[in-house]
PDB file of N, CA and C in Angstrom:
ATOM      1  N   MET A   1       0.843  -1.181   0.000  1.00  0.00           N
ATOM      2  CA  MET A   1       0.000   0.000   0.000  1.00  0.00           C
ATOM      3  C   MET A   1       0.889   1.244   0.000  1.00  0.00           C
ATOM      4  N   THR A   2       0.387   2.298  -0.577  1.00  0.00           N
ATOM      5  CA  THR A   2       1.108   3.571  -0.546  1.00  0.00           C
ATOM      6  C   THR A   2       0.728   4.325   0.727  1.00  0.00           C
ATOM      7  N   ALA A   3       1.437   5.403   1.011  1.00  0.00           N
ATOM      8  CA  ALA A   3       1.122   6.219   2.185  1.00  0.00           C
ATOM      9  C   ALA A   3      -0.283   6.808   2.063  1.00  0.00           C
ATOM     10  N   ARG A   4      -0.695   7.145   0.851  1.00  0.00           N
ATOM     11  CA  ARG A   4      -2.043   7.686   0.634  1.00  0.00           C
ATOM     12  C   ARG A   4      -3.107   6.630   0.928  1.00  0.00           C
ATOM     13  N   ASP A   5      -2.865   5.390   0.502  1.00  0.00           N
ATOM     14  CA  ASP A   5      -3.803   4.298   0.772  1.00  0.00           C
ATOM     15  C   ASP A   5      -3.922   4.063   2.276  1.00  0.00           C
ATOM     16  N   LEU A   6      -2.786   4.054   2.949  1.00  0.00           N
ATOM     17  CA  LEU A   6      -2.792   3.856   4.405  1.00  0.00           C
ATOM     18  C   LEU A   6      -3.473   5.016   5.105  1.00  0.00           C
ATOM     19  N   SER A   7      -3.279   6.228   4.603  1.00  0.00           N
ATOM     20  CA  SER A   7      -3.903   7.410   5.176  1.00  0.00           C
ATOM     21  C   SER A   7      -5.424   7.320   5.094  1.00  0.00           C
ATOM     22  N   ARG A   8      -5.914   6.911   3.950  1.00  0.00           N
ATOM     23  CA  ARG A   8      -7.365   6.765   3.783  1.00  0.00           C
ATOM     24  C   ARG A   8      -7.926   5.667   4.680  1.00  0.00           C
ATOM     25  N   ALA A   9      -7.214   4.548   4.764  1.00  0.00           N
ATOM     26  CA  ALA A   9      -7.696   3.416   5.568  1.00  0.00           C
ATOM     27  C   ALA A   9      -7.691   3.733   7.066  1.00  0.00           C
ATOM     28  N   ALA A  10      -6.691   4.473   7.519  1.00  0.00           N
ATOM     29  CA  ALA A  10      -6.571   4.766   8.949  1.00  0.00           C
ATOM     30  C   ALA A  10      -7.253   6.061   9.350  1.00  0.00           C
ATOM     31  N   GLY A  11      -7.540   6.923   8.375  1.00  0.00           N
ATOM     32  CA  GLY A  11      -8.198   8.190   8.685  1.00  0.00           C
ATOM     33  C   GLY A  11      -7.268   9.211   9.318  1.00  0.00           C
ATOM     34  N   VAL A  12      -5.985   9.150   8.971  1.00  0.00           N
ATOM     35  CA  VAL A  12      -5.002  10.112   9.490  1.00  0.00           C
ATOM     36  C   VAL A  12      -4.316  10.792   8.303  1.00  0.00           C
ATOM     37  N   PRO A  13      -3.733  11.975   8.519  1.00  0.00           N
ATOM     38  CA  PRO A  13      -3.046  12.655   7.419  1.00  0.00           C
ATOM     39  C   PRO A  13      -1.865  11.842   6.881  1.00  0.00           C
ATOM     40  N   GLU A  14      -1.564  12.037   5.607  1.00  0.00           N
ATOM     41  CA  GLU A  14      -0.504  11.281   4.940  1.00  0.00           C
ATOM     42  C   GLU A  14       0.863  11.508   5.593  1.00  0.00           C
ATOM     43  N   LYS A  15       1.144  12.731   6.036  1.00  0.00           N
ATOM     44  CA  LYS A  15       2.420  13.014   6.697  1.00  0.00           C
ATOM     45  C   LYS A  15       2.546  12.242   8.006  1.00  0.00           C
ATOM     46  N   GLU A  16       1.440  12.076   8.710  1.00  0.00           N
ATOM     47  CA  GLU A  16       1.454  11.301   9.953  1.00  0.00           C
ATOM     48  C   GLU A  16       1.743   9.832   9.676  1.00  0.00           C
ATOM     49  N   VAL A  17       1.231   9.327   8.581  1.00  0.00           N
ATOM     50  CA  VAL A  17       1.460   7.930   8.199  1.00  0.00           C
ATOM     51  C   VAL A  17       2.951   7.681   8.042  1.00  0.00           C
ATOM     52  N   CYS A  18       3.658   8.593   7.397  1.00  0.00           N
ATOM     53  CA  CYS A  18       5.100   8.425   7.189  1.00  0.00           C
ATOM     54  C   CYS A  18       5.844   8.394   8.514  1.00  0.00           C
ATOM     55  N   ASP A  19       5.423   9.216   9.473  1.00  0.00           N
ATOM     56  CA  ASP A  19       6.047   9.186  10.798  1.00  0.00           C
ATOM     57  C   ASP A  19       5.822   7.841  11.474  1.00  0.00           C
ATOM     58  N   HIS A  20       4.627   7.312  11.352  1.00  0.00           N
ATOM     59  CA  HIS A  20       4.322   6.011  11.949  1.00  0.00           C
ATOM     60  C   HIS A  20       5.085   4.888  11.247  1.00  0.00           C
ATOM     61  N   LEU A  21       5.258   5.001   9.941  1.00  0.00           N
ATOM     62  CA  LEU A  21       5.987   3.974   9.201  1.00  0.00           C
ATOM     63  C   LEU A  21       7.455   3.894   9.627  1.00  0.00           C
ATOM     64  N   VAL A  22       8.045   5.028   9.967  1.00  0.00           N
ATOM     65  CA  VAL A  22       9.428   5.031  10.464  1.00  0.00           C
ATOM     66  C   VAL A  22       9.507   4.201  11.745  1.00  0.00           C
ATOM     67  N   HIS A  23       8.555   4.395  12.626  1.00  0.00           N
ATOM     68  CA  HIS A  23       8.518   3.639  13.880  1.00  0.00           C
ATOM     69  C   HIS A  23       8.265   2.154  13.620  1.00  0.00           C
ATOM     70  N   ILE A  24       7.362   1.856  12.713  1.00  0.00           N
ATOM     71  CA  ILE A  24       7.055   0.458  12.381  1.00  0.00           C
ATOM     72  C   ILE A  24       8.281  -0.228  11.796  1.00  0.00           C
ATOM     73  N   ARG A  25       8.983   0.453  10.892  1.00  0.00           N
ATOM     74  CA  ARG A  25      10.185  -0.132  10.284  1.00  0.00           C
ATOM     75  C   ARG A  25      11.238  -0.427  11.350  1.00  0.00           C
ATOM     76  N   ARG A  26      11.405   0.486  12.298  1.00  0.00           N
ATOM     77  CA  ARG A  26      12.373   0.293  13.373  1.00  0.00           C
ATOM     78  C   ARG A  26      11.964  -0.881  14.261  1.00  0.00           C
ATOM     79  N   SER A  27      10.689  -1.034  14.531  1.00  0.00           N
ATOM     80  CA  SER A  27      10.191  -2.118  15.382  1.00  0.00           C
ATOM     81  C   SER A  27      10.278  -3.471  14.689  1.00  0.00           C
ATOM     82  N   MET A  28      10.147  -3.485  13.378  1.00  0.00           N
ATOM     83  CA  MET A  28      10.150  -4.738  12.629  1.00  0.00           C
ATOM     84  C   MET A  28      11.533  -5.390  12.590  1.00  0.00           C
ATOM     85  N   ARG A  29      12.590  -4.645  12.827  1.00  0.00           N
ATOM     86  CA  ARG A  29      13.944  -5.192  12.764  1.00  0.00           C
ATOM     87  C   ARG A  29      14.185  -6.263  13.814  1.00  0.00           C
ATOM     88  N   THR A  30      13.472  -6.208  14.920  1.00  0.00           N
ATOM     89  CA  THR A  30      13.709  -7.152  16.001  1.00  0.00           C
ATOM     90  C   THR A  30      12.803  -8.379  15.944  1.00  0.00           C
ATOM     91  N   GLY A  31      11.761  -8.333  15.143  1.00  0.00           N
ATOM     92  CA  GLY A  31      10.804  -9.438  15.090  1.00  0.00           C
ATOM     93  C   GLY A  31      11.019 -10.362  13.916  1.00  0.00           C
ATOM     94  N   ARG A  32      10.048 -11.247  13.718  1.00  0.00           N
ATOM     95  CA  ARG A  32      10.102 -12.216  12.620  1.00  0.00           C
ATOM     96  C   ARG A  32       9.575 -11.645  11.314  1.00  0.00           C
ATOM     97  N   SER A  33       8.793 -10.605  11.386  1.00  0.00           N
ATOM     98  CA  SER A  33       8.223  -9.991  10.186  1.00  0.00           C
ATOM     99  C   SER A  33       9.238  -9.047   9.552  1.00  0.00           C
ATOM    100  N   ALA A  34       9.054  -8.793   8.274  1.00  0.00           N
ATOM    101  CA  ALA A  34       9.962  -7.916   7.540  1.00  0.00           C
ATOM    102  C   ALA A  34       9.189  -6.766   6.897  1.00  0.00           C
ATOM    103  N   PHE A  35       9.725  -5.579   7.014  1.00  0.00           N
ATOM    104  CA  PHE A  35       9.152  -4.378   6.415  1.00  0.00           C
ATOM    105  C   PHE A  35       9.898  -4.125   5.112  1.00  0.00           C
ATOM    106  N   SER A  36       9.174  -3.972   4.017  1.00  0.00           N
ATOM    107  CA  SER A  36       9.835  -3.696   2.745  1.00  0.00           C
ATOM    108  C   SER A  36       9.159  -2.516   2.051  1.00  0.00           C
ATOM    109  N   MET A  37       9.954  -1.818   1.250  1.00  0.00           N
ATOM    110  CA  MET A  37       9.458  -0.664   0.521  1.00  0.00           C
ATOM    111  C   MET A  37       9.806  -0.828  -0.954  1.00  0.00           C
ATOM    112  N   THR A  38       8.820  -0.638  -1.819  1.00  0.00           N
ATOM    113  CA  THR A  38       9.062  -0.571  -3.250  1.00  0.00           C
ATOM    114  C   THR A  38       9.410   0.882  -3.540  1.00  0.00           C
ATOM    115  N   PRO A  39      10.608   1.152  -4.051  1.00  0.00           N
ATOM    116  CA  PRO A  39      11.049   2.542  -4.189  1.00  0.00           C
ATOM    117  C   PRO A  39      10.263   3.306  -5.250  1.00  0.00           C
ATOM    118  N   PRO A  40      10.211   4.635  -5.101  1.00  0.00           N
ATOM    119  CA  PRO A  40       9.558   5.465  -6.111  1.00  0.00           C
ATOM    120  C   PRO A  40      10.306   5.406  -7.435  1.00  0.00           C
ATOM    121  N   GLU A  41       9.591   5.724  -8.508  1.00  0.00           N
ATOM    122  CA  GLU A  41      10.184   5.697  -9.845  1.00  0.00           C
ATOM    123  C   GLU A  41       9.678   6.894 -10.638  1.00  0.00           C
ATOM    124  N   CYS A  42      10.559   7.476 -11.435  1.00  0.00           N
ATOM    125  CA  CYS A  42      10.191   8.595 -12.299  1.00  0.00           C
ATOM    126  C   CYS A  42       9.415   8.054 -13.491  1.00  0.00           C
ATOM    127  N   LEU A  43       8.257   8.629 -13.747  1.00  0.00           N
ATOM    128  CA  LEU A  43       7.444   8.192 -14.875  1.00  0.00           C
ATOM    129  C   LEU A  43       7.944   8.758 -16.200  1.00  0.00           C
ATOM    130  N   ALA A  44       8.751   9.806 -16.147  1.00  0.00           N
ATOM    131  CA  ALA A  44       9.249  10.429 -17.372  1.00  0.00           C
ATOM    132  C   ALA A  44      10.480   9.715 -17.927  1.00  0.00           C
ATOM    133  N   CYS A  45      11.463   9.401 -17.055  1.00  0.00           N
ATOM    134  CA  CYS A  45      12.716   8.828 -17.565  1.00  0.00           C
ATOM    135  C   CYS A  45      13.004   7.429 -17.022  1.00  0.00           C
ATOM    136  N   GLY A  46      12.227   6.954 -16.045  1.00  0.00           N
ATOM    137  CA  GLY A  46      12.411   5.608 -15.523  1.00  0.00           C
ATOM    138  C   GLY A  46      13.405   5.484 -14.387  1.00  0.00           C
ATOM    139  N   TYR A  47      13.922   6.603 -13.874  1.00  0.00           N
ATOM    140  CA  TYR A  47      14.880   6.566 -12.768  1.00  0.00           C
ATOM    141  C   TYR A  47      14.219   5.937 -11.541  1.00  0.00           C
ATOM    142  N   VAL A  48      14.915   4.994 -10.901  1.00  0.00           N
ATOM    143  CA  VAL A  48      14.406   4.319  -9.709  1.00  0.00           C
ATOM    144  C   VAL A  48      15.245   4.751  -8.513  1.00  0.00           C
ATOM    145  N   TYR A  49      14.606   5.148  -7.451  1.00  0.00           N
ATOM    146  CA  TYR A  49      15.272   5.564  -6.220  1.00  0.00           C
ATOM    147  C   TYR A  49      15.643   4.326  -5.401  1.00  0.00           C
ATOM    148  N   ALA A  50      16.548   3.526  -5.909  1.00  0.00           N
ATOM    149  CA  ALA A  50      16.885   2.232  -5.299  1.00  0.00           C
ATOM    150  C   ALA A  50      17.506   2.358  -3.918  1.00  0.00           C
ATOM    151  N   ASP A  51      18.305   3.391  -3.671  1.00  0.00           N
ATOM    152  CA  ASP A  51      19.003   3.529  -2.394  1.00  0.00           C
ATOM    153  C   ASP A  51      18.312   4.472  -1.421  1.00  0.00           C
ATOM    154  N   ARG A  52      17.113   4.894  -1.716  1.00  0.00           N
ATOM    155  CA  ARG A  52      16.409   5.858  -0.863  1.00  0.00           C
ATOM    156  C   ARG A  52      15.996   5.221   0.452  1.00  0.00           C
ATOM    157  N   ARG A  53      16.328   5.858   1.552  1.00  0.00           N
ATOM    158  CA  ARG A  53      15.985   5.376   2.891  1.00  0.00           C
ATOM    159  C   ARG A  53      14.754   6.092   3.464  1.00  0.00           C
ATOM    160  N   ARG A  54      14.527   7.332   3.035  1.00  0.00           N
ATOM    161  CA  ARG A  54      13.369   8.074   3.541  1.00  0.00           C
ATOM    162  C   ARG A  54      12.089   7.462   2.991  1.00  0.00           C
ATOM    163  N   LEU A  55      11.053   7.472   3.798  1.00  0.00           N
ATOM    164  CA  LEU A  55       9.795   6.840   3.410  1.00  0.00           C
ATOM    165  C   LEU A  55       8.825   7.800   2.738  1.00  0.00           C
ATOM    166  N   THR A  56       9.166   9.071   2.688  1.00  0.00           N
ATOM    167  CA  THR A  56       8.294  10.049   2.059  1.00  0.00           C
ATOM    168  C   THR A  56       8.500  10.040   0.547  1.00  0.00           C
ATOM    169  N   ARG A  57       7.544  10.601  -0.160  1.00  0.00           N
ATOM    170  CA  ARG A  57       7.619  10.691  -1.621  1.00  0.00           C
ATOM    171  C   ARG A  57       8.596  11.807  -1.995  1.00  0.00           C
ATOM    172  N   PRO A  58       9.529  11.550  -2.913  1.00  0.00           N
ATOM    173  CA  PRO A  58      10.464  12.604  -3.324  1.00  0.00           C
ATOM    174  C   PRO A  58       9.748  13.690  -4.117  1.00  0.00           C
ATOM    175  N   GLY A  59      10.344  14.871  -4.146  1.00  0.00           N
ATOM    176  CA  GLY A  59       9.722  16.000  -4.828  1.00  0.00           C
ATOM    177  C   GLY A  59       9.888  15.982  -6.332  1.00  0.00           C
ATOM    178  N   ARG A  60      11.102  15.611  -6.800  1.00  0.00           N
ATOM    179  CA  ARG A  60      11.345  15.581  -8.230  1.00  0.00           C
ATOM    180  C   ARG A  60      12.494  14.632  -8.539  1.00  0.00           C
ATOM    181  N   CYS A  61      12.610  14.277  -9.782  1.00  0.00           N
ATOM    182  CA  CYS A  61      13.637  13.356 -10.251  1.00  0.00           C
ATOM    183  C   CYS A  61      14.986  14.070 -10.322  1.00  0.00           C
ATOM    184  N   PRO A  62      16.045  13.461  -9.777  1.00  0.00           N
ATOM    185  CA  PRO A  62      17.364  14.109  -9.859  1.00  0.00           C
ATOM    186  C   PRO A  62      17.956  14.076 -11.270  1.00  0.00           C
ATOM    187  N   ARG A  63      17.485  13.184 -12.105  1.00  0.00           N
ATOM    188  CA  ARG A  63      18.031  13.058 -13.458  1.00  0.00           C
ATOM    189  C   ARG A  63      17.362  14.027 -14.429  1.00  0.00           C
ATOM    190  N   CYS A  64      16.022  14.009 -14.515  1.00  0.00           N
ATOM    191  CA  CYS A  64      15.337  14.826 -15.528  1.00  0.00           C
ATOM    192  C   CYS A  64      14.526  15.978 -14.929  1.00  0.00           C
ATOM    193  N   LYS A  65      14.480  16.077 -13.611  1.00  0.00           N
ATOM    194  CA  LYS A  65      13.777  17.151 -12.884  1.00  0.00           C
ATOM    195  C   LYS A  65      12.258  17.096 -13.017  1.00  0.00           C
ATOM    196  N   SER A  66      11.721  15.984 -13.471  1.00  0.00           N
ATOM    197  CA  SER A  66      10.278  15.818 -13.595  1.00  0.00           C
ATOM    198  C   SER A  66       9.661  15.601 -12.214  1.00  0.00           C
ATOM    199  N   THR A  67       8.422  16.003 -12.061  1.00  0.00           N
ATOM    200  CA  THR A  67       7.719  15.788 -10.789  1.00  0.00           C
ATOM    201  C   THR A  67       6.704  14.660 -10.884  1.00  0.00           C
ATOM    202  N   HIS A  68       6.669  13.960 -12.011  1.00  0.00           N
ATOM    203  CA  HIS A  68       5.747  12.835 -12.199  1.00  0.00           C
ATOM    204  C   HIS A  68       6.423  11.559 -11.709  1.00  0.00           C
ATOM    205  N   LEU A  69       6.171  11.226 -10.440  1.00  0.00           N
ATOM    206  CA  LEU A  69       6.814  10.093  -9.794  1.00  0.00           C
ATOM    207  C   LEU A  69       5.772   9.150  -9.214  1.00  0.00           C
ATOM    208  N   THR A  70       6.094   7.864  -9.196  1.00  0.00           N
ATOM    209  CA  THR A  70       5.219   6.928  -8.490  1.00  0.00           C
ATOM    210  C   THR A  70       5.530   7.036  -7.006  1.00  0.00           C
ATOM    211  N   PRO A  71       4.539   6.933  -6.155  1.00  0.00           N
ATOM    212  CA  PRO A  71       4.825   6.983  -4.725  1.00  0.00           C
ATOM    213  C   PRO A  71       5.438   5.660  -4.253  1.00  0.00           C
ATOM    214  N   PRO A  72       6.210   5.689  -3.171  1.00  0.00           N
ATOM    215  CA  PRO A  72       6.722   4.419  -2.644  1.00  0.00           C
ATOM    216  C   PRO A  72       5.564   3.606  -2.077  1.00  0.00           C
ATOM    217  N   SER A  73       5.689   2.288  -2.142  1.00  0.00           N
ATOM    218  CA  SER A  73       4.668   1.439  -1.541  1.00  0.00           C
ATOM    219  C   SER A  73       5.335   0.575  -0.487  1.00  0.00           C
ATOM    220  N   PHE A  74       4.554   0.190   0.502  1.00  0.00           N
ATOM    221  CA  PHE A  74       5.079  -0.491   1.685  1.00  0.00           C
ATOM    222  C   PHE A  74       4.401  -1.837   1.875  1.00  0.00           C
ATOM    223  N   ARG A  75       5.164  -2.755   2.478  1.00  0.00           N
ATOM    224  CA  ARG A  75       4.647  -4.104   2.687  1.00  0.00           C
ATOM    225  C   ARG A  75       5.264  -4.688   3.954  1.00  0.00           C
ATOM    226  N   ILE A  76       4.462  -5.444   4.665  1.00  0.00           N
ATOM    227  CA  ILE A  76       4.954  -6.185   5.822  1.00  0.00           C
ATOM    228  C   ILE A  76       4.785  -7.661   5.524  1.00  0.00           C
ATOM    229  N   ASP A  77       5.897  -8.377   5.495  1.00  0.00           N
ATOM    230  CA  ASP A  77       5.886  -9.816   5.221  1.00  0.00           C
ATOM    231  C   ASP A  77       6.145 -10.569   6.524  1.00  0.00           C
ATOM    232  N   GLY A  78       5.496 -11.682   6.652  1.00  0.00           N
ATOM    233  CA  GLY A  78       5.775 -12.499   7.822  1.00  0.00           C
ATOM    234  C   GLY A  78       4.551 -12.934   8.438  1.00  0.00           C
TER     235      GLY A  78
END
C-alpha cells in the first residue's frame, strides 16, 4: 500500500502515516516480520530511487527534474 492508501484506511493525514511507518520499520527489525518498501520511480525517464531510505515521496527526479513520480509502496511480510 502507498502512504495515501494507508492514510485513507486509517483516517489520518498522509504526513502522519510516514512518521508512523518510520517507527514500524524500526520495530520490525527485532521481530520475525519484515518491512519492505518498493522505491519510487520517475514516470518520465524511468529513474528508480533504489538507495532511498526516507519513506516520504520525493519531490522531483534528480536526473530529468520531472515531478511525475510513483509513490513508494510499503509491505509487511511475515
